[in-house]
PDB file of all heavy atoms in Angstrom:
ATOM      1  N   ARG A   1     -92.277  -5.566  36.595  1.00  0.00           N
ATOM      2  CA  ARG A   1     -92.367  -5.819  38.055  1.00  0.00           C
ATOM      3  C   ARG A   1     -92.172  -7.294  38.495  1.00  0.00           C
ATOM      4  O   ARG A   1     -93.038  -7.918  39.049  1.00  0.00           O
ATOM      5  CB  ARG A   1     -93.715  -5.330  38.618  1.00  0.00           C
ATOM      6  CG  ARG A   1     -93.872  -3.818  38.371  1.00  0.00           C
ATOM      7  CD  ARG A   1     -95.007  -3.344  39.244  1.00  0.00           C
ATOM      8  NE  ARG A   1     -95.147  -1.816  39.161  1.00  0.00           N
ATOM      9  CZ  ARG A   1     -96.017  -1.189  39.931  1.00  0.00           C
ATOM     10  NH1 ARG A   1     -96.781  -1.736  40.728  1.00  0.00           N
ATOM     11  NH2 ARG A   1     -96.009   0.176  39.757  1.00  0.00           N
ATOM     12  N   PRO A   2     -90.992  -7.915  38.209  1.00  0.00           N
ATOM     13  CA  PRO A   2     -90.778  -9.253  38.558  1.00  0.00           C
ATOM     14  C   PRO A   2     -90.714  -9.427  40.107  1.00  0.00           C
ATOM     15  O   PRO A   2     -90.251  -8.581  40.805  1.00  0.00           O
ATOM     16  CB  PRO A   2     -89.354  -9.561  37.972  1.00  0.00           C
ATOM     17  CG  PRO A   2     -88.752  -8.274  37.731  1.00  0.00           C
ATOM     18  CD  PRO A   2     -89.833  -7.257  37.481  1.00  0.00           C
ATOM     19  N   GLN A   3     -91.282 -10.517  40.479  1.00  0.00           N
ATOM     20  CA  GLN A   3     -91.281 -10.778  42.019  1.00  0.00           C
ATOM     21  C   GLN A   3     -90.471 -12.073  42.238  1.00  0.00           C
ATOM     22  O   GLN A   3     -90.869 -13.166  41.728  1.00  0.00           O
ATOM     23  CB  GLN A   3     -92.761 -10.928  42.515  1.00  0.00           C
ATOM     24  CG  GLN A   3     -93.489  -9.662  42.384  1.00  0.00           C
ATOM     25  CD  GLN A   3     -94.880  -9.724  43.125  1.00  0.00           C
ATOM     26  OE1 GLN A   3     -94.941 -10.115  44.183  1.00  0.00           O
ATOM     27  NE2 GLN A   3     -95.847  -9.292  42.359  1.00  0.00           N
ATOM     28  N   LEU A   4     -89.362 -12.022  42.920  1.00  0.00           N
ATOM     29  CA  LEU A   4     -88.410 -13.072  43.016  1.00  0.00           C
ATOM     30  C   LEU A   4     -88.421 -13.657  44.322  1.00  0.00           C
ATOM     31  O   LEU A   4     -88.646 -12.934  45.424  1.00  0.00           O
ATOM     32  CB  LEU A   4     -87.015 -12.608  42.568  1.00  0.00           C
ATOM     33  CG  LEU A   4     -86.950 -11.845  41.273  1.00  0.00           C
ATOM     34  CD1 LEU A   4     -85.554 -11.453  40.999  1.00  0.00           C
ATOM     35  CD2 LEU A   4     -87.494 -12.741  40.128  1.00  0.00           C
ATOM     36  N   THR A   5     -87.946 -14.811  44.464  1.00  0.00           N
ATOM     37  CA  THR A   5     -87.795 -15.522  45.773  1.00  0.00           C
ATOM     38  C   THR A   5     -86.453 -16.294  45.805  1.00  0.00           C
ATOM     39  O   THR A   5     -85.694 -16.267  44.847  1.00  0.00           O
ATOM     40  CB  THR A   5     -88.940 -16.370  46.193  1.00  0.00           C
ATOM     41  OG1 THR A   5     -88.852 -16.873  47.479  1.00  0.00           O
ATOM     42  CG2 THR A   5     -88.949 -17.656  45.292  1.00  0.00           C
ATOM     43  N   ASP A   6     -86.144 -16.910  46.905  1.00  0.00           N
ATOM     44  CA  ASP A   6     -84.991 -17.611  47.123  1.00  0.00           C
ATOM     45  C   ASP A   6     -84.555 -18.581  45.927  1.00  0.00           C
ATOM     46  O   ASP A   6     -85.355 -19.322  45.473  1.00  0.00           O
ATOM     47  CB  ASP A   6     -85.082 -18.493  48.395  1.00  0.00           C
ATOM     48  CG  ASP A   6     -83.712 -18.987  48.856  1.00  0.00           C
ATOM     49  OD1 ASP A   6     -83.137 -19.905  48.182  1.00  0.00           O
ATOM     50  OD2 ASP A   6     -83.303 -18.677  49.995  1.00  0.00           O
ATOM     51  N   GLY A   7     -83.303 -18.595  45.495  1.00  0.00           N
ATOM     52  CA  GLY A   7     -82.895 -19.353  44.333  1.00  0.00           C
ATOM     53  C   GLY A   7     -83.017 -20.829  44.663  1.00  0.00           C
ATOM     54  O   GLY A   7     -83.131 -21.703  43.733  1.00  0.00           O
ATOM     55  N   GLY A   8     -83.048 -21.140  45.966  1.00  0.00           N
ATOM     56  CA  GLY A   8     -83.084 -22.623  46.311  1.00  0.00           C
ATOM     57  C   GLY A   8     -84.482 -23.181  46.014  1.00  0.00           C
ATOM     58  O   GLY A   8     -84.575 -24.476  45.963  1.00  0.00           O
ATOM     59  N   VAL A   9     -85.461 -22.383  45.832  1.00  0.00           N
ATOM     60  CA  VAL A   9     -86.791 -23.017  45.443  1.00  0.00           C
ATOM     61  C   VAL A   9     -86.726 -23.684  44.069  1.00  0.00           C
ATOM     62  O   VAL A   9     -87.379 -24.716  43.881  1.00  0.00           O
ATOM     63  CB  VAL A   9     -87.843 -21.863  45.396  1.00  0.00           C
ATOM     64  CG1 VAL A   9     -89.191 -22.401  44.846  1.00  0.00           C
ATOM     65  CG2 VAL A   9     -88.025 -21.233  46.753  1.00  0.00           C
ATOM     66  N   TYR A  10     -85.911 -23.128  43.163  1.00  0.00           N
ATOM     67  CA  TYR A  10     -85.715 -23.697  41.959  1.00  0.00           C
ATOM     68  C   TYR A  10     -84.489 -24.643  41.835  1.00  0.00           C
ATOM     69  O   TYR A  10     -84.559 -25.703  41.166  1.00  0.00           O
ATOM     70  CB  TYR A  10     -85.561 -22.543  40.839  1.00  0.00           C
ATOM     71  CG  TYR A  10     -85.479 -23.052  39.409  1.00  0.00           C
ATOM     72  CD1 TYR A  10     -86.647 -23.194  38.662  1.00  0.00           C
ATOM     73  CD2 TYR A  10     -84.279 -23.414  38.827  1.00  0.00           C
ATOM     74  CE1 TYR A  10     -86.587 -23.623  37.280  1.00  0.00           C
ATOM     75  CE2 TYR A  10     -84.136 -23.760  37.501  1.00  0.00           C
ATOM     76  CZ  TYR A  10     -85.300 -23.877  36.769  1.00  0.00           C
ATOM     77  OH  TYR A  10     -85.253 -24.349  35.438  1.00  0.00           O
ATOM     78  N   ASP A  11     -83.463 -24.229  42.509  1.00  0.00           N
ATOM     79  CA  ASP A  11     -82.106 -25.008  42.356  1.00  0.00           C
ATOM     80  C   ASP A  11     -81.198 -24.688  43.464  1.00  0.00           C
ATOM     81  O   ASP A  11     -80.491 -23.685  43.394  1.00  0.00           O
ATOM     82  CB  ASP A  11     -81.449 -24.733  40.967  1.00  0.00           C
ATOM     83  CG  ASP A  11     -80.052 -25.329  40.888  1.00  0.00           C
ATOM     84  OD1 ASP A  11     -79.722 -26.186  41.759  1.00  0.00           O
ATOM     85  OD2 ASP A  11     -79.387 -24.979  39.847  1.00  0.00           O
ATOM     86  N   ASN A  12     -81.308 -25.342  44.589  1.00  0.00           N
ATOM     87  CA  ASN A  12     -80.597 -25.033  45.798  1.00  0.00           C
ATOM     88  C   ASN A  12     -79.097 -25.309  45.671  1.00  0.00           C
ATOM     89  O   ASN A  12     -78.323 -24.848  46.525  1.00  0.00           O
ATOM     90  CB  ASN A  12     -81.138 -25.635  46.994  1.00  0.00           C
ATOM     91  CG  ASN A  12     -80.737 -24.998  48.346  1.00  0.00           C
ATOM     92  OD1 ASN A  12     -80.831 -23.723  48.478  1.00  0.00           O
ATOM     93  ND2 ASN A  12     -80.170 -25.678  49.359  1.00  0.00           N
ATOM     94  N   LEU A  13     -78.706 -25.932  44.691  1.00  0.00           N
ATOM     95  CA  LEU A  13     -77.286 -26.242  44.456  1.00  0.00           C
ATOM     96  C   LEU A  13     -76.559 -25.123  43.636  1.00  0.00           C
ATOM     97  O   LEU A  13     -75.283 -25.078  43.511  1.00  0.00           O
ATOM     98  CB  LEU A  13     -76.940 -27.548  43.832  1.00  0.00           C
ATOM     99  CG  LEU A  13     -77.387 -28.801  44.648  1.00  0.00           C
ATOM    100  CD1 LEU A  13     -77.178 -30.039  43.826  1.00  0.00           C
ATOM    101  CD2 LEU A  13     -76.675 -28.879  45.972  1.00  0.00           C
ATOM    102  N   GLY A  14     -77.385 -24.297  42.940  1.00  0.00           N
ATOM    103  CA  GLY A  14     -76.725 -23.349  42.084  1.00  0.00           C
ATOM    104  C   GLY A  14     -76.132 -24.067  40.823  1.00  0.00           C
ATOM    105  O   GLY A  14     -75.183 -23.542  40.233  1.00  0.00           O
ATOM    106  N   LEU A  15     -76.598 -25.197  40.463  1.00  0.00           N
ATOM    107  CA  LEU A  15     -75.999 -26.051  39.529  1.00  0.00           C
ATOM    108  C   LEU A  15     -76.256 -25.724  38.015  1.00  0.00           C
ATOM    109  O   LEU A  15     -75.464 -25.910  37.187  1.00  0.00           O
ATOM    110  CB  LEU A  15     -76.418 -27.568  39.835  1.00  0.00           C
ATOM    111  CG  LEU A  15     -75.741 -28.663  38.999  1.00  0.00           C
ATOM    112  CD1 LEU A  15     -74.231 -28.610  39.108  1.00  0.00           C
ATOM    113  CD2 LEU A  15     -76.370 -30.052  39.369  1.00  0.00           C
ATOM    114  N   GLU A  16     -77.472 -25.335  37.778  1.00  0.00           N
ATOM    115  CA  GLU A  16     -77.974 -25.257  36.382  1.00  0.00           C
ATOM    116  C   GLU A  16     -77.016 -24.478  35.482  1.00  0.00           C
ATOM    117  O   GLU A  16     -76.690 -24.854  34.354  1.00  0.00           O
ATOM    118  CB  GLU A  16     -79.386 -24.778  36.370  1.00  0.00           C
ATOM    119  CG  GLU A  16     -79.921 -24.872  34.926  1.00  0.00           C
ATOM    120  CD  GLU A  16     -81.488 -24.910  34.862  1.00  0.00           C
ATOM    121  OE1 GLU A  16     -82.076 -25.661  35.541  1.00  0.00           O
ATOM    122  OE2 GLU A  16     -82.012 -24.015  34.100  1.00  0.00           O
ATOM    123  N   THR A  17     -76.718 -23.274  35.893  1.00  0.00           N
ATOM    124  CA  THR A  17     -75.901 -22.369  34.994  1.00  0.00           C
ATOM    125  C   THR A  17     -74.546 -22.824  34.805  1.00  0.00           C
ATOM    126  O   THR A  17     -73.769 -22.293  33.941  1.00  0.00           O
ATOM    127  CB  THR A  17     -75.990 -20.899  35.467  1.00  0.00           C
ATOM    128  OG1 THR A  17     -75.328 -20.848  36.756  1.00  0.00           O
ATOM    129  CG2 THR A  17     -77.358 -20.423  35.570  1.00  0.00           C
ATOM    130  N   VAL A  18     -74.070 -23.779  35.592  1.00  0.00           N
ATOM    131  CA  VAL A  18     -72.752 -24.342  35.435  1.00  0.00           C
ATOM    132  C   VAL A  18     -72.721 -25.683  34.710  1.00  0.00           C
ATOM    133  O   VAL A  18     -72.139 -25.881  33.754  1.00  0.00           O
ATOM    134  CB  VAL A  18     -72.051 -24.608  36.855  1.00  0.00           C
ATOM    135  CG1 VAL A  18     -70.829 -25.524  36.722  1.00  0.00           C
ATOM    136  CG2 VAL A  18     -71.671 -23.244  37.505  1.00  0.00           C
ATOM    137  N   PHE A  19     -73.738 -26.539  35.078  1.00  0.00           N
ATOM    138  CA  PHE A  19     -73.795 -27.863  34.542  1.00  0.00           C
ATOM    139  C   PHE A  19     -74.061 -27.833  33.030  1.00  0.00           C
ATOM    140  O   PHE A  19     -73.465 -28.596  32.276  1.00  0.00           O
ATOM    141  CB  PHE A  19     -74.980 -28.634  35.157  1.00  0.00           C
ATOM    142  CG  PHE A  19     -75.030 -30.044  34.777  1.00  0.00           C
ATOM    143  CD1 PHE A  19     -74.291 -31.082  35.360  1.00  0.00           C
ATOM    144  CD2 PHE A  19     -75.975 -30.366  33.779  1.00  0.00           C
ATOM    145  CE1 PHE A  19     -74.401 -32.365  34.966  1.00  0.00           C
ATOM    146  CE2 PHE A  19     -76.064 -31.725  33.389  1.00  0.00           C
ATOM    147  CZ  PHE A  19     -75.264 -32.707  34.058  1.00  0.00           C
ATOM    148  N   LYS A  20     -74.845 -26.849  32.511  1.00  0.00           N
ATOM    149  CA  LYS A  20     -75.211 -26.886  31.115  1.00  0.00           C
ATOM    150  C   LYS A  20     -74.172 -26.047  30.333  1.00  0.00           C
ATOM    151  O   LYS A  20     -74.381 -25.952  29.089  1.00  0.00           O
ATOM    152  CB  LYS A  20     -76.603 -26.172  30.967  1.00  0.00           C
ATOM    153  CG  LYS A  20     -77.619 -27.050  31.726  1.00  0.00           C
ATOM    154  CD  LYS A  20     -79.048 -26.435  31.531  1.00  0.00           C
ATOM    155  CE  LYS A  20     -79.567 -26.704  30.082  1.00  0.00           C
ATOM    156  NZ  LYS A  20     -80.904 -26.285  29.886  1.00  0.00           N
ATOM    157  N   ASN A  21     -73.066 -25.723  30.971  1.00  0.00           N
ATOM    158  CA  ASN A  21     -72.177 -24.826  30.246  1.00  0.00           C
ATOM    159  C   ASN A  21     -70.648 -25.286  30.333  1.00  0.00           C
ATOM    160  O   ASN A  21     -69.857 -24.984  29.437  1.00  0.00           O
ATOM    161  CB  ASN A  21     -72.210 -23.373  30.677  1.00  0.00           C
ATOM    162  CG  ASN A  21     -73.471 -22.680  30.257  1.00  0.00           C
ATOM    163  OD1 ASN A  21     -73.611 -22.207  29.081  1.00  0.00           O
ATOM    164  ND2 ASN A  21     -74.502 -22.714  31.035  1.00  0.00           N
ATOM    165  N   TYR A  22     -70.265 -25.976  31.407  1.00  0.00           N
ATOM    166  CA  TYR A  22     -68.868 -26.260  31.634  1.00  0.00           C
ATOM    167  C   TYR A  22     -68.624 -27.803  31.921  1.00  0.00           C
ATOM    168  O   TYR A  22     -69.483 -28.452  32.512  1.00  0.00           O
ATOM    169  CB  TYR A  22     -68.366 -25.488  32.834  1.00  0.00           C
ATOM    170  CG  TYR A  22     -68.269 -23.983  32.517  1.00  0.00           C
ATOM    171  CD1 TYR A  22     -69.388 -23.063  32.903  1.00  0.00           C
ATOM    172  CD2 TYR A  22     -67.272 -23.510  31.825  1.00  0.00           C
ATOM    173  CE1 TYR A  22     -69.296 -21.806  32.546  1.00  0.00           C
ATOM    174  CE2 TYR A  22     -67.247 -22.149  31.475  1.00  0.00           C
ATOM    175  CZ  TYR A  22     -68.303 -21.312  31.848  1.00  0.00           C
ATOM    176  OH  TYR A  22     -68.238 -19.986  31.543  1.00  0.00           O
ATOM    177  N   LYS A  23     -67.525 -28.195  31.449  1.00  0.00           N
ATOM    178  CA  LYS A  23     -67.164 -29.621  31.555  1.00  0.00           C
ATOM    179  C   LYS A  23     -66.723 -29.966  32.958  1.00  0.00           C
ATOM    180  O   LYS A  23     -66.976 -31.109  33.462  1.00  0.00           O
ATOM    181  CB  LYS A  23     -65.916 -29.908  30.547  1.00  0.00           C
ATOM    182  CG  LYS A  23     -65.469 -31.276  30.429  1.00  0.00           C
ATOM    183  CD  LYS A  23     -66.415 -32.186  29.764  1.00  0.00           C
ATOM    184  CE  LYS A  23     -65.857 -33.609  29.538  1.00  0.00           C
ATOM    185  NZ  LYS A  23     -66.790 -34.444  28.742  1.00  0.00           N
ATOM    186  N   THR A  24     -66.062 -29.026  33.652  1.00  0.00           N
ATOM    187  CA  THR A  24     -65.629 -29.357  34.983  1.00  0.00           C
ATOM    188  C   THR A  24     -66.522 -28.618  36.035  1.00  0.00           C
ATOM    189  O   THR A  24     -66.612 -27.401  36.035  1.00  0.00           O
ATOM    190  CB  THR A  24     -64.158 -28.892  35.191  1.00  0.00           C
ATOM    191  OG1 THR A  24     -63.365 -29.595  34.198  1.00  0.00           O
ATOM    192  CG2 THR A  24     -63.630 -29.187  36.560  1.00  0.00           C
ATOM    193  N   VAL A  25     -67.069 -29.437  36.927  1.00  0.00           N
ATOM    194  CA  VAL A  25     -68.065 -28.831  37.955  1.00  0.00           C
ATOM    195  C   VAL A  25     -67.531 -29.167  39.312  1.00  0.00           C
ATOM    196  O   VAL A  25     -67.243 -30.345  39.629  1.00  0.00           O
ATOM    197  CB  VAL A  25     -69.451 -29.478  37.685  1.00  0.00           C
ATOM    198  CG1 VAL A  25     -70.463 -28.877  38.778  1.00  0.00           C
ATOM    199  CG2 VAL A  25     -69.878 -29.270  36.307  1.00  0.00           C
ATOM    200  N   ILE A  26     -67.426 -28.167  40.167  1.00  0.00           N
ATOM    201  CA  ILE A  26     -67.090 -28.330  41.539  1.00  0.00           C
ATOM    202  C   ILE A  26     -68.359 -27.865  42.373  1.00  0.00           C
ATOM    203  O   ILE A  26     -68.743 -26.647  42.262  1.00  0.00           O
ATOM    204  CB  ILE A  26     -65.894 -27.623  42.008  1.00  0.00           C
ATOM    205  CG1 ILE A  26     -64.622 -28.039  41.266  1.00  0.00           C
ATOM    206  CG2 ILE A  26     -65.743 -27.651  43.578  1.00  0.00           C
ATOM    207  CD1 ILE A  26     -63.403 -27.246  41.479  1.00  0.00           C
ATOM    208  N   CYS A  27     -69.082 -28.712  43.010  1.00  0.00           N
ATOM    209  CA  CYS A  27     -70.304 -28.398  43.606  1.00  0.00           C
ATOM    210  C   CYS A  27     -70.282 -28.636  45.173  1.00  0.00           C
ATOM    211  O   CYS A  27     -69.965 -29.726  45.622  1.00  0.00           O
ATOM    212  CB  CYS A  27     -71.453 -29.317  43.052  1.00  0.00           C
ATOM    213  SG  CYS A  27     -73.064 -28.907  43.730  1.00  0.00           S
ATOM    214  N   SER A  28     -70.491 -27.525  45.922  1.00  0.00           N
ATOM    215  CA  SER A  28     -70.380 -27.589  47.370  1.00  0.00           C
ATOM    216  C   SER A  28     -71.787 -27.341  47.896  1.00  0.00           C
ATOM    217  O   SER A  28     -72.425 -26.402  47.792  1.00  0.00           O
ATOM    218  CB  SER A  28     -69.482 -26.397  47.848  1.00  0.00           C
ATOM    219  OG  SER A  28     -69.447 -26.425  49.257  1.00  0.00           O
ATOM    220  N   ASP A  29     -72.216 -28.423  48.661  1.00  0.00           N
ATOM    221  CA  ASP A  29     -73.627 -28.507  49.150  1.00  0.00           C
ATOM    222  C   ASP A  29     -73.556 -28.378  50.682  1.00  0.00           C
ATOM    223  O   ASP A  29     -73.205 -29.203  51.362  1.00  0.00           O
ATOM    224  CB  ASP A  29     -74.192 -29.866  48.718  1.00  0.00           C
ATOM    225  CG  ASP A  29     -75.680 -30.000  49.135  1.00  0.00           C
ATOM    226  OD1 ASP A  29     -76.259 -29.030  49.688  1.00  0.00           O
ATOM    227  OD2 ASP A  29     -76.210 -31.029  48.912  1.00  0.00           O
ATOM    228  N   ALA A  30     -74.107 -27.237  51.080  1.00  0.00           N
ATOM    229  CA  ALA A  30     -74.335 -26.922  52.560  1.00  0.00           C
ATOM    230  C   ALA A  30     -75.774 -26.852  52.867  1.00  0.00           C
ATOM    231  O   ALA A  30     -76.113 -26.256  53.950  1.00  0.00           O
ATOM    232  CB  ALA A  30     -73.576 -25.667  52.934  1.00  0.00           C
ATOM    233  N   GLY A  31     -76.607 -27.536  52.145  1.00  0.00           N
ATOM    234  CA  GLY A  31     -77.992 -27.555  52.421  1.00  0.00           C
ATOM    235  C   GLY A  31     -78.344 -28.303  53.619  1.00  0.00           C
ATOM    236  O   GLY A  31     -77.623 -29.290  54.036  1.00  0.00           O
ATOM    237  N   GLY A  32     -79.352 -27.962  54.296  1.00  0.00           N
ATOM    238  CA  GLY A  32     -79.824 -28.687  55.542  1.00  0.00           C
ATOM    239  C   GLY A  32     -80.409 -29.992  55.240  1.00  0.00           C
ATOM    240  O   GLY A  32     -80.962 -30.270  54.093  1.00  0.00           O
ATOM    241  N   ASP A  33     -80.540 -30.823  56.286  1.00  0.00           N
ATOM    242  CA  ASP A  33     -81.113 -32.099  56.199  1.00  0.00           C
ATOM    243  C   ASP A  33     -82.667 -31.981  56.543  1.00  0.00           C
ATOM    244  O   ASP A  33     -82.979 -31.148  57.389  1.00  0.00           O
ATOM    245  CB  ASP A  33     -80.440 -33.110  57.189  1.00  0.00           C
ATOM    246  CG  ASP A  33     -80.891 -34.531  56.857  1.00  0.00           C
ATOM    247  OD1 ASP A  33     -81.417 -34.857  55.864  1.00  0.00           O
ATOM    248  OD2 ASP A  33     -80.742 -35.345  57.878  1.00  0.00           O
ATOM    249  N   LEU A  34     -83.529 -32.684  55.895  1.00  0.00           N
ATOM    250  CA  LEU A  34     -84.883 -32.685  56.131  1.00  0.00           C
ATOM    251  C   LEU A  34     -85.152 -33.837  57.190  1.00  0.00           C
ATOM    252  O   LEU A  34     -85.346 -34.956  56.839  1.00  0.00           O
ATOM    253  CB  LEU A  34     -85.705 -32.956  54.873  1.00  0.00           C
ATOM    254  CG  LEU A  34     -87.241 -32.888  55.099  1.00  0.00           C
ATOM    255  CD1 LEU A  34     -87.659 -31.506  55.426  1.00  0.00           C
ATOM    256  CD2 LEU A  34     -87.917 -33.369  53.786  1.00  0.00           C
ATOM    257  N   ALA A  35     -85.195 -33.462  58.452  1.00  0.00           N
ATOM    258  CA  ALA A  35     -85.402 -34.449  59.487  1.00  0.00           C
ATOM    259  C   ALA A  35     -86.894 -34.876  59.546  1.00  0.00           C
ATOM    260  O   ALA A  35     -87.762 -34.178  59.282  1.00  0.00           O
ATOM    261  CB  ALA A  35     -84.986 -33.812  60.854  1.00  0.00           C
TER     262      ALA A  35
END
């Protein structure tokens, strides 16, 4: 019974599963600004 929440709580860029596996990384960040 896993209970999951938004992936952004851990990594809002979705970077980890790419960064640790591939030499070429294209990262698009549409995260909001903390005013």
